[in-house]
PDB file of N, CA and C in Angstrom:
ATOM      1  N   MET A   1      -6.981  17.703  37.774  1.00  0.00           N
ATOM      2  CA  MET A   1      -7.400  16.580  36.971  1.00  0.00           C
ATOM      3  C   MET A   1      -7.740  17.014  35.538  1.00  0.00           C
ATOM      4  N   ALA A   2      -8.224  18.207  35.372  1.00  0.00           N
ATOM      5  CA  ALA A   2      -8.584  18.689  34.040  1.00  0.00           C
ATOM      6  C   ALA A   2      -7.361  18.779  33.140  1.00  0.00           C
ATOM      7  N   ILE A   3      -6.221  19.122  33.719  1.00  0.00           N
ATOM      8  CA  ILE A   3      -4.999  19.213  32.920  1.00  0.00           C
ATOM      9  C   ILE A   3      -4.610  17.832  32.410  1.00  0.00           C
ATOM     10  N   VAL A   4      -4.646  16.848  33.293  1.00  0.00           N
ATOM     11  CA  VAL A   4      -4.322  15.484  32.884  1.00  0.00           C
ATOM     12  C   VAL A   4      -5.333  14.999  31.863  1.00  0.00           C
ATOM     13  N   GLY A   5      -6.595  15.277  32.100  1.00  0.00           N
ATOM     14  CA  GLY A   5      -7.643  14.875  31.160  1.00  0.00           C
ATOM     15  C   GLY A   5      -7.476  15.522  29.802  1.00  0.00           C
ATOM     16  N   GLY A   6      -6.983  16.736  29.763  1.00  0.00           N
ATOM     17  CA  GLY A   6      -6.755  17.428  28.506  1.00  0.00           C
ATOM     18  C   GLY A   6      -5.517  16.945  27.781  1.00  0.00           C
ATOM     19  N   GLU A   7      -4.548  16.456  28.527  1.00  0.00           N
ATOM     20  CA  GLU A   7      -3.324  15.952  27.916  1.00  0.00           C
ATOM     21  C   GLU A   7      -3.559  14.639  27.186  1.00  0.00           C
ATOM     22  N   TYR A   8      -4.440  13.820  27.711  1.00  0.00           N
ATOM     23  CA  TYR A   8      -4.697  12.516  27.092  1.00  0.00           C
ATOM     24  C   TYR A   8      -5.202  12.667  25.652  1.00  0.00           C
ATOM     25  N   PRO A   9      -6.248  13.485  25.419  1.00  0.00           N
ATOM     26  CA  PRO A   9      -6.697  13.627  24.030  1.00  0.00           C
ATOM     27  C   PRO A   9      -5.624  14.199  23.101  1.00  0.00           C
ATOM     28  N   ALA A  10      -4.831  15.127  23.620  1.00  0.00           N
ATOM     29  CA  ALA A  10      -3.767  15.711  22.786  1.00  0.00           C
ATOM     30  C   ALA A  10      -2.716  14.655  22.451  1.00  0.00           C
ATOM     31  N   THR A  11      -2.336  13.870  23.439  1.00  0.00           N
ATOM     32  CA  THR A  11      -1.354  12.813  23.211  1.00  0.00           C
ATOM     33  C   THR A  11      -1.914  11.765  22.266  1.00  0.00           C
ATOM     34  N   ARG A  12      -3.159  11.400  22.478  1.00  0.00           N
ATOM     35  CA  ARG A  12      -3.804  10.410  21.619  1.00  0.00           C
ATOM     36  C   ARG A  12      -3.862  10.912  20.182  1.00  0.00           C
ATOM     37  N   SER A  13      -4.205  12.168  20.003  1.00  0.00           N
ATOM     38  CA  SER A  13      -4.266  12.752  18.659  1.00  0.00           C
ATOM     39  C   SER A  13      -2.895  12.724  17.987  1.00  0.00           C
ATOM     40  N   ALA A  14      -1.865  13.075  18.733  1.00  0.00           N
ATOM     41  CA  ALA A  14      -0.510  13.061  18.174  1.00  0.00           C
ATOM     42  C   ALA A  14      -0.101  11.647  17.789  1.00  0.00           C
ATOM     43  N   CYS A  15      -0.430  10.674  18.632  1.00  0.00           N
ATOM     44  CA  CYS A  15      -0.107   9.271  18.326  1.00  0.00           C
ATOM     45  C   CYS A  15      -0.858   8.804  17.080  1.00  0.00           C
ATOM     46  N   ASN A  16      -2.121   9.163  16.984  1.00  0.00           N
ATOM     47  CA  ASN A  16      -2.911   8.769  15.812  1.00  0.00           C
ATOM     48  C   ASN A  16      -2.361   9.380  14.536  1.00  0.00           C
ATOM     49  N   LYS A  17      -1.945  10.632  14.583  1.00  0.00           N
ATOM     50  CA  LYS A  17      -1.353  11.276  13.404  1.00  0.00           C
ATOM     51  C   LYS A  17      -0.060  10.573  12.996  1.00  0.00           C
ATOM     52  N   PHE A  18       0.744  10.219  13.996  1.00  0.00           N
ATOM     53  CA  PHE A  18       1.994   9.513  13.730  1.00  0.00           C
ATOM     54  C   PHE A  18       1.710   8.155  13.085  1.00  0.00           C
ATOM     55  N   LEU A  19       0.765   7.401  13.636  1.00  0.00           N
ATOM     56  CA  LEU A  19       0.421   6.085  13.087  1.00  0.00           C
ATOM     57  C   LEU A  19      -0.155   6.204  11.681  1.00  0.00           C
ATOM     58  N   ASP A  20      -0.974   7.222  11.458  1.00  0.00           N
ATOM     59  CA  ASP A  20      -1.522   7.442  10.110  1.00  0.00           C
ATOM     60  C   ASP A  20      -0.408   7.714   9.106  1.00  0.00           C
ATOM     61  N   SER A  21       0.569   8.515   9.507  1.00  0.00           N
ATOM     62  CA  SER A  21       1.667   8.807   8.585  1.00  0.00           C
ATOM     63  C   SER A  21       2.495   7.557   8.319  1.00  0.00           C
ATOM     64  N   MET A  22       2.655   6.702   9.326  1.00  0.00           N
ATOM     65  CA  MET A  22       3.383   5.441   9.139  1.00  0.00           C
ATOM     66  C   MET A  22       2.623   4.529   8.173  1.00  0.00           C
ATOM     67  N   MET A  23       1.310   4.460   8.305  1.00  0.00           N
ATOM     68  CA  MET A  23       0.502   3.640   7.400  1.00  0.00           C
ATOM     69  C   MET A  23       0.557   4.191   5.973  1.00  0.00           C
ATOM     70  N   ASP A  24       0.523   5.496   5.840  1.00  0.00           N
ATOM     71  CA  ASP A  24       0.628   6.109   4.511  1.00  0.00           C
ATOM     72  C   ASP A  24       1.954   5.719   3.852  1.00  0.00           C
ATOM     73  N   GLU A  25       3.024   5.802   4.625  1.00  0.00           N
ATOM     74  CA  GLU A  25       4.341   5.459   4.095  1.00  0.00           C
ATOM     75  C   GLU A  25       4.413   3.972   3.742  1.00  0.00           C
ATOM     76  N   ALA A  26       3.878   3.124   4.598  1.00  0.00           N
ATOM     77  CA  ALA A  26       3.891   1.678   4.337  1.00  0.00           C
ATOM     78  C   ALA A  26       3.092   1.366   3.073  1.00  0.00           C
ATOM     79  N   TRP A  27       1.948   2.018   2.903  1.00  0.00           N
ATOM     80  CA  TRP A  27       1.130   1.797   1.709  1.00  0.00           C
ATOM     81  C   TRP A  27       1.886   2.231   0.453  1.00  0.00           C
ATOM     82  N   GLU A  28       2.504   3.393   0.489  1.00  0.00           N
ATOM     83  CA  GLU A  28       3.235   3.892  -0.682  1.00  0.00           C
ATOM     84  C   GLU A  28       4.383   2.945  -1.047  1.00  0.00           C
ATOM     85  N   GLN A  29       5.086   2.434  -0.051  1.00  0.00           N
ATOM     86  CA  GLN A  29       6.175   1.495  -0.322  1.00  0.00           C
ATOM     87  C   GLN A  29       5.639   0.184  -0.896  1.00  0.00           C
ATOM     88  N   HIS A  30       4.550  -0.312  -0.332  1.00  0.00           N
ATOM     89  CA  HIS A  30       3.979  -1.567  -0.815  1.00  0.00           C
ATOM     90  C   HIS A  30       3.417  -1.396  -2.233  1.00  0.00           C
ATOM     91  N   LEU A  31       2.805  -0.261  -2.495  1.00  0.00           N
ATOM     92  CA  LEU A  31       2.276   0.017  -3.828  1.00  0.00           C
ATOM     93  C   LEU A  31       3.407   0.083  -4.856  1.00  0.00           C
ATOM     94  N   ALA A  32       4.511   0.717  -4.506  1.00  0.00           N
ATOM     95  CA  ALA A  32       5.663   0.784  -5.414  1.00  0.00           C
ATOM     96  C   ALA A  32       6.220  -0.622  -5.661  1.00  0.00           C
ATOM     97  N   TYR A  33       6.294  -1.436  -4.625  1.00  0.00           N
ATOM     98  CA  TYR A  33       6.747  -2.828  -4.728  1.00  0.00           C
ATOM     99  C   TYR A  33       5.814  -3.611  -5.659  1.00  0.00           C
ATOM    100  N   ALA A  34       4.515  -3.425  -5.483  1.00  0.00           N
ATOM    101  CA  ALA A  34       3.532  -4.127  -6.310  1.00  0.00           C
ATOM    102  C   ALA A  34       3.624  -3.684  -7.766  1.00  0.00           C
ATOM    103  N   LYS A  35       3.800  -2.408  -7.997  1.00  0.00           N
ATOM    104  CA  LYS A  35       3.912  -1.902  -9.372  1.00  0.00           C
ATOM    105  C   LYS A  35       5.169  -2.434 -10.046  1.00  0.00           C
ATOM    106  N   GLU A  36       6.245  -2.560  -9.282  1.00  0.00           N
ATOM    107  CA  GLU A  36       7.465  -3.147  -9.827  1.00  0.00           C
ATOM    108  C   GLU A  36       7.218  -4.617 -10.182  1.00  0.00           C
ATOM    109  N   ALA A  37       6.560  -5.338  -9.297  1.00  0.00           N
ATOM    110  CA  ALA A  37       6.267  -6.759  -9.531  1.00  0.00           C
ATOM    111  C   ALA A  37       5.339  -6.944 -10.727  1.00  0.00           C
ATOM    112  N   ASP A  38       4.437  -6.001 -10.937  1.00  0.00           N
ATOM    113  CA  ASP A  38       3.473  -6.088 -12.035  1.00  0.00           C
ATOM    114  C   ASP A  38       4.161  -6.081 -13.399  1.00  0.00           C
ATOM    115  N   GLN A  39       5.377  -5.591 -13.465  1.00  0.00           N
ATOM    116  CA  GLN A  39       6.108  -5.513 -14.735  1.00  0.00           C
ATOM    117  C   GLN A  39       6.892  -6.787 -15.053  1.00  0.00           C
ATOM    118  N   LEU A  40       6.956  -7.724 -14.111  1.00  0.00           N
ATOM    119  CA  LEU A  40       7.763  -8.927 -14.290  1.00  0.00           C
ATOM    120  C   LEU A  40       7.107  -9.900 -15.254  1.00  0.00           C
ATOM    121  N   THR A  41       7.905 -10.445 -16.158  1.00  0.00           N
ATOM    122  CA  THR A  41       7.358 -11.432 -17.098  1.00  0.00           C
ATOM    123  C   THR A  41       8.172 -12.713 -17.140  1.00  0.00           C
ATOM    124  N   THR A  42       9.475 -12.624 -17.056  1.00  0.00           N
ATOM    125  CA  THR A  42      10.312 -13.821 -17.203  1.00  0.00           C
ATOM    126  C   THR A  42      10.772 -14.343 -15.842  1.00  0.00           C
ATOM    127  N   ASP A  43      11.190 -15.592 -15.832  1.00  0.00           N
ATOM    128  CA  ASP A  43      11.739 -16.180 -14.609  1.00  0.00           C
ATOM    129  C   ASP A  43      12.966 -15.423 -14.138  1.00  0.00           C
ATOM    130  N   ASN A  44      13.807 -14.995 -15.071  1.00  0.00           N
ATOM    131  CA  ASN A  44      15.011 -14.245 -14.693  1.00  0.00           C
ATOM    132  C   ASN A  44      14.658 -12.897 -14.057  1.00  0.00           C
ATOM    133  N   GLU A  45      13.624 -12.241 -14.568  1.00  0.00           N
ATOM    134  CA  GLU A  45      13.176 -10.986 -13.961  1.00  0.00           C
ATOM    135  C   GLU A  45      12.654 -11.235 -12.546  1.00  0.00           C
ATOM    136  N   ILE A  46      11.921 -12.312 -12.380  1.00  0.00           N
ATOM    137  CA  ILE A  46      11.397 -12.653 -11.054  1.00  0.00           C
ATOM    138  C   ILE A  46      12.534 -12.979 -10.103  1.00  0.00           C
ATOM    139  N   LYS A  47      13.528 -13.729 -10.563  1.00  0.00           N
ATOM    140  CA  LYS A  47      14.681 -14.041  -9.717  1.00  0.00           C
ATOM    141  C   LYS A  47      15.391 -12.763  -9.276  1.00  0.00           C
ATOM    142  N   ALA A  48      15.598 -11.837 -10.199  1.00  0.00           N
ATOM    143  CA  ALA A  48      16.263 -10.571  -9.860  1.00  0.00           C
ATOM    144  C   ALA A  48      15.427  -9.776  -8.852  1.00  0.00           C
ATOM    145  N   PHE A  49      14.116  -9.763  -9.060  1.00  0.00           N
ATOM    146  CA  PHE A  49      13.205  -9.055  -8.152  1.00  0.00           C
ATOM    147  C   PHE A  49      13.252  -9.670  -6.753  1.00  0.00           C
ATOM    148  N   LEU A  50      13.142 -11.001  -6.683  1.00  0.00           N
ATOM    149  CA  LEU A  50      13.174 -11.682  -5.390  1.00  0.00           C
ATOM    150  C   LEU A  50      14.513 -11.488  -4.702  1.00  0.00           C
ATOM    151  N   ALA A  51      15.590 -11.501  -5.458  1.00  0.00           N
ATOM    152  CA  ALA A  51      16.916 -11.281  -4.879  1.00  0.00           C
ATOM    153  C   ALA A  51      17.035  -9.851  -4.349  1.00  0.00           C
ATOM    154  N   LYS A  52      16.554  -8.909  -5.123  1.00  0.00           N
ATOM    155  CA  LYS A  52      16.627  -7.499  -4.732  1.00  0.00           C
ATOM    156  C   LYS A  52      15.869  -7.237  -3.441  1.00  0.00           C
ATOM    157  N   HIS A  53      14.708  -7.842  -3.304  1.00  0.00           N
ATOM    158  CA  HIS A  53      13.844  -7.575  -2.153  1.00  0.00           C
ATOM    159  C   HIS A  53      13.941  -8.633  -1.064  1.00  0.00           C
ATOM    160  N   GLY A  54      14.808  -9.613  -1.257  1.00  0.00           N
ATOM    161  CA  GLY A  54      14.856 -10.725  -0.320  1.00  0.00           C
ATOM    162  C   GLY A  54      15.770 -10.563   0.863  1.00  0.00           C
ATOM    163  N   SER A  55      16.646  -9.580   0.834  1.00  0.00           N
ATOM    164  CA  SER A  55      17.560  -9.404   1.955  1.00  0.00           C
ATOM    165  C   SER A  55      17.095  -8.235   2.817  1.00  0.00           C
ATOM    166  N   GLU A  56      17.383  -8.346   4.085  1.00  0.00           N
ATOM    167  CA  GLU A  56      17.043  -7.280   5.020  1.00  0.00           C
ATOM    168  C   GLU A  56      18.055  -6.150   4.879  1.00  0.00           C
ATOM    169  N   GLU A  57      17.657  -4.973   5.268  1.00  0.00           N
ATOM    170  CA  GLU A  57      18.549  -3.815   5.206  1.00  0.00           C
ATOM    171  C   GLU A  57      19.790  -4.088   6.048  1.00  0.00           C
ATOM    172  N   GLY A  58      20.932  -3.833   5.481  1.00  0.00           N
ATOM    173  CA  GLY A  58      22.184  -4.040   6.184  1.00  0.00           C
ATOM    174  C   GLY A  58      22.780  -5.425   5.984  1.00  0.00           C
ATOM    175  N   GLU A  59      22.015  -6.345   5.390  1.00  0.00           N
ATOM    176  CA  GLU A  59      22.510  -7.688   5.115  1.00  0.00           C
ATOM    177  C   GLU A  59      23.029  -7.742   3.678  1.00  0.00           C
ATOM    178  N   PRO A  60      23.909  -8.707   3.401  1.00  0.00           N
ATOM    179  CA  PRO A  60      24.390  -8.842   2.022  1.00  0.00           C
ATOM    180  C   PRO A  60      23.242  -9.178   1.072  1.00  0.00           C
ATOM    181  N   ALA A  61      23.348  -8.677  -0.130  1.00  0.00           N
ATOM    182  CA  ALA A  61      22.324  -8.948  -1.144  1.00  0.00           C
ATOM    183  C   ALA A  61      22.303 -10.430  -1.501  1.00  0.00           C
ATOM    184  N   ILE A  62      21.147 -10.894  -1.884  1.00  0.00           N
ATOM    185  CA  ILE A  62      20.983 -12.276  -2.330  1.00  0.00           C
ATOM    186  C   ILE A  62      21.302 -12.317  -3.824  1.00  0.00           C
ATOM    187  N   ALA A  63      22.029 -13.307  -4.263  1.00  0.00           N
ATOM    188  CA  ALA A  63      22.352 -13.460  -5.682  1.00  0.00           C
ATOM    189  C   ALA A  63      21.153 -14.074  -6.404  1.00  0.00           C
ATOM    190  N   PRO A  64      20.737 -13.496  -7.538  1.00  0.00           N
ATOM    191  CA  PRO A  64      19.583 -14.028  -8.271  1.00  0.00           C
ATOM    192  C   PRO A  64      19.711 -15.505  -8.617  1.00  0.00           C
ATOM    193  N   GLU A  65      20.925 -15.968  -8.880  1.00  0.00           N
ATOM    194  CA  GLU A  65      21.100 -17.375  -9.268  1.00  0.00           C
ATOM    195  C   GLU A  65      20.829 -18.335  -8.113  1.00  0.00           C
ATOM    196  N   THR A  66      20.717 -17.809  -6.895  1.00  0.00           N
ATOM    197  CA  THR A  66      20.396 -18.681  -5.758  1.00  0.00           C
ATOM    198  C   THR A  66      18.891 -18.879  -5.586  1.00  0.00           C
ATOM    199  N   ILE A  67      18.101 -18.130  -6.333  1.00  0.00           N
ATOM    200  CA  ILE A  67      16.642 -18.284  -6.288  1.00  0.00           C
ATOM    201  C   ILE A  67      16.287 -19.531  -7.100  1.00  0.00           C
ATOM    202  N   THR A  68      15.549 -20.452  -6.496  1.00  0.00           N
ATOM    203  CA  THR A  68      15.239 -21.722  -7.144  1.00  0.00           C
ATOM    204  C   THR A  68      13.988 -21.627  -8.016  1.00  0.00           C
ATOM    205  N   ALA A  69      13.829 -22.616  -8.880  1.00  0.00           N
ATOM    206  CA  ALA A  69      12.629 -22.701  -9.727  1.00  0.00           C
ATOM    207  C   ALA A  69      11.381 -22.836  -8.864  1.00  0.00           C
ATOM    208  N   ASP A  70      11.493 -23.552  -7.747  1.00  0.00           N
ATOM    209  CA  ASP A  70      10.344 -23.689  -6.834  1.00  0.00           C
ATOM    210  C   ASP A  70       9.951 -22.336  -6.238  1.00  0.00           C
ATOM    211  N   GLN A  71      10.942 -21.521  -5.894  1.00  0.00           N
ATOM    212  CA  GLN A  71      10.650 -20.195  -5.350  1.00  0.00           C
ATOM    213  C   GLN A  71       9.974 -19.313  -6.398  1.00  0.00           C
ATOM    214  N   VAL A  72      10.439 -19.404  -7.630  1.00  0.00           N
ATOM    215  CA  VAL A  72       9.820 -18.634  -8.717  1.00  0.00           C
ATOM    216  C   VAL A  72       8.383 -19.095  -8.919  1.00  0.00           C
ATOM    217  N   ARG A  73       8.171 -20.407  -8.962  1.00  0.00           N
ATOM    218  CA  ARG A  73       6.821 -20.948  -9.157  1.00  0.00           C
ATOM    219  C   ARG A  73       5.885 -20.519  -8.007  1.00  0.00           C
ATOM    220  N   GLU A  74       6.385 -20.595  -6.781  1.00  0.00           N
ATOM    221  CA  GLU A  74       5.583 -20.188  -5.628  1.00  0.00           C
ATOM    222  C   GLU A  74       5.219 -18.712  -5.701  1.00  0.00           C
ATOM    223  N   PHE A  75       6.194 -17.878  -6.090  1.00  0.00           N
ATOM    224  CA  PHE A  75       5.933 -16.445  -6.223  1.00  0.00           C
ATOM    225  C   PHE A  75       4.894 -16.194  -7.314  1.00  0.00           C
ATOM    226  N   ARG A  76       5.021 -16.885  -8.439  1.00  0.00           N
ATOM    227  CA  ARG A  76       4.054 -16.719  -9.534  1.00  0.00           C
ATOM    228  C   ARG A  76       2.645 -17.115  -9.090  1.00  0.00           C
ATOM    229  N   GLN A  77       2.542 -18.173  -8.284  1.00  0.00           N
ATOM    230  CA  GLN A  77       1.236 -18.691  -7.882  1.00  0.00           C
ATOM    231  C   GLN A  77       0.629 -17.939  -6.702  1.00  0.00           C
ATOM    232  N   GLU A  78       1.469 -17.516  -5.753  1.00  0.00           N
ATOM    233  CA  GLU A  78       0.935 -16.955  -4.513  1.00  0.00           C
ATOM    234  C   GLU A  78       1.172 -15.456  -4.355  1.00  0.00           C
ATOM    235  N   GLY A  79       2.362 -14.999  -4.623  1.00  0.00           N
ATOM    236  CA  GLY A  79       2.676 -13.591  -4.393  1.00  0.00           C
ATOM    237  C   GLY A  79       2.281 -12.668  -5.524  1.00  0.00           C
ATOM    238  N   LEU A  80       2.620 -13.068  -6.724  1.00  0.00           N
ATOM    239  CA  LEU A  80       2.423 -12.195  -7.880  1.00  0.00           C
ATOM    240  C   LEU A  80       0.956 -11.846  -8.152  1.00  0.00           C
ATOM    241  N   PRO A  81       0.019 -12.784  -8.066  1.00  0.00           N
ATOM    242  CA  PRO A  81      -1.373 -12.395  -8.325  1.00  0.00           C
ATOM    243  C   PRO A  81      -1.880 -11.288  -7.388  1.00  0.00           C
ATOM    244  N   GLU A  82      -1.531 -11.380  -6.117  1.00  0.00           N
ATOM    245  CA  GLU A  82      -1.965 -10.346  -5.167  1.00  0.00           C
ATOM    246  C   GLU A  82      -1.266  -9.023  -5.438  1.00  0.00           C
ATOM    247  N   LEU A  83       0.005  -9.065  -5.785  1.00  0.00           N
ATOM    248  CA  LEU A  83       0.720  -7.834  -6.094  1.00  0.00           C
ATOM    249  C   LEU A  83       0.168  -7.172  -7.354  1.00  0.00           C
ATOM    250  N   LYS A  84      -0.176  -7.972  -8.359  1.00  0.00           N
ATOM    251  CA  LYS A  84      -0.777  -7.417  -9.572  1.00  0.00           C
ATOM    252  C   LYS A  84      -2.120  -6.761  -9.249  1.00  0.00           C
ATOM    253  N   LYS A  85      -2.880  -7.389  -8.377  1.00  0.00           N
ATOM    254  CA  LYS A  85      -4.171  -6.835  -7.970  1.00  0.00           C
ATOM    255  C   LYS A  85      -3.978  -5.461  -7.311  1.00  0.00           C
ATOM    256  N   ILE A  86      -3.004  -5.361  -6.431  1.00  0.00           N
ATOM    257  CA  ILE A  86      -2.717  -4.084  -5.769  1.00  0.00           C
ATOM    258  C   ILE A  86      -2.246  -3.050  -6.786  1.00  0.00           C
ATOM    259  N   ALA A  87      -1.309  -3.441  -7.654  1.00  0.00           N
ATOM    260  CA  ALA A  87      -0.749  -2.512  -8.634  1.00  0.00           C
ATOM    261  C   ALA A  87      -1.806  -1.975  -9.588  1.00  0.00           C
ATOM    262  N   ARG A  88      -2.805  -2.783  -9.861  1.00  0.00           N
ATOM    263  CA  ARG A  88      -3.844  -2.392 -10.830  1.00  0.00           C
ATOM    264  C   ARG A  88      -5.074  -1.795 -10.166  1.00  0.00           C
ATOM    265  N   GLY A  89      -4.964  -1.492  -8.862  1.00  0.00           N
ATOM    266  CA  GLY A  89      -6.058  -0.808  -8.172  1.00  0.00           C
ATOM    267  C   GLY A  89      -7.115  -1.718  -7.585  1.00  0.00           C
ATOM    268  N   GLY A  90      -6.895  -3.026  -7.588  1.00  0.00           N
ATOM    269  CA  GLY A  90      -7.888  -3.958  -7.059  1.00  0.00           C
ATOM    270  C   GLY A  90      -7.935  -4.021  -5.543  1.00  0.00           C
ATOM    271  N   THR A  91      -6.881  -3.569  -4.906  1.00  0.00           N
ATOM    272  CA  THR A  91      -6.844  -3.466  -3.448  1.00  0.00           C
ATOM    273  C   THR A  91      -6.563  -2.016  -3.111  1.00  0.00           C
ATOM    274  N   SER A  92      -7.427  -1.429  -2.320  1.00  0.00           N
ATOM    275  CA  SER A  92      -7.278  -0.020  -1.967  1.00  0.00           C
ATOM    276  C   SER A  92      -6.376   0.137  -0.744  1.00  0.00           C
ATOM    277  N   LYS A  93      -6.051   1.371  -0.459  1.00  0.00           N
ATOM    278  CA  LYS A  93      -5.282   1.666   0.744  1.00  0.00           C
ATOM    279  C   LYS A  93      -6.069   1.223   1.977  1.00  0.00           C
ATOM    280  N   ALA A  94      -7.362   1.447   1.974  1.00  0.00           N
ATOM    281  CA  ALA A  94      -8.193   1.025   3.114  1.00  0.00           C
ATOM    282  C   ALA A  94      -8.169  -0.486   3.280  1.00  0.00           C
ATOM    283  N   GLY A  95      -8.195  -1.210   2.177  1.00  0.00           N
ATOM    284  CA  GLY A  95      -8.106  -2.675   2.230  1.00  0.00           C
ATOM    285  C   GLY A  95      -6.752  -3.136   2.730  1.00  0.00           C
ATOM    286  N   PHE A  96      -5.722  -2.421   2.374  1.00  0.00           N
ATOM    287  CA  PHE A  96      -4.368  -2.720   2.820  1.00  0.00           C
ATOM    288  C   PHE A  96      -4.248  -2.522   4.325  1.00  0.00           C
ATOM    289  N   GLU A  97      -4.873  -1.474   4.845  1.00  0.00           N
ATOM    290  CA  GLU A  97      -4.766  -1.146   6.261  1.00  0.00           C
ATOM    291  C   GLU A  97      -5.443  -2.175   7.153  1.00  0.00           C
ATOM    292  N   ARG A  98      -6.372  -2.926   6.597  1.00  0.00           N
ATOM    293  CA  ARG A  98      -7.052  -3.948   7.397  1.00  0.00           C
ATOM    294  C   ARG A  98      -6.141  -5.076   7.565  1.00  0.00           C
TER     295      ARG A  98
END
């Protein structure tokens, strides 16, 4: 039983390290995304950004001209403020992990 009991903490530790590394990677990707968004000023820049990030990996890219004015307005009102906050240090990695 001691062997099984000893394996559990080792396995748990390995899983926790793996999950921590996944969270680190997710944070770095989200931070880079937020910093890119923080540079956007025009509707055309926002359309290009949304098109670039709007398709899933392996799917065809979205054309910027298909992004509507409503989508740009929604992004400006809902998405962009939070991304700017992250890019400027207002949301920490710990806050992101929650």
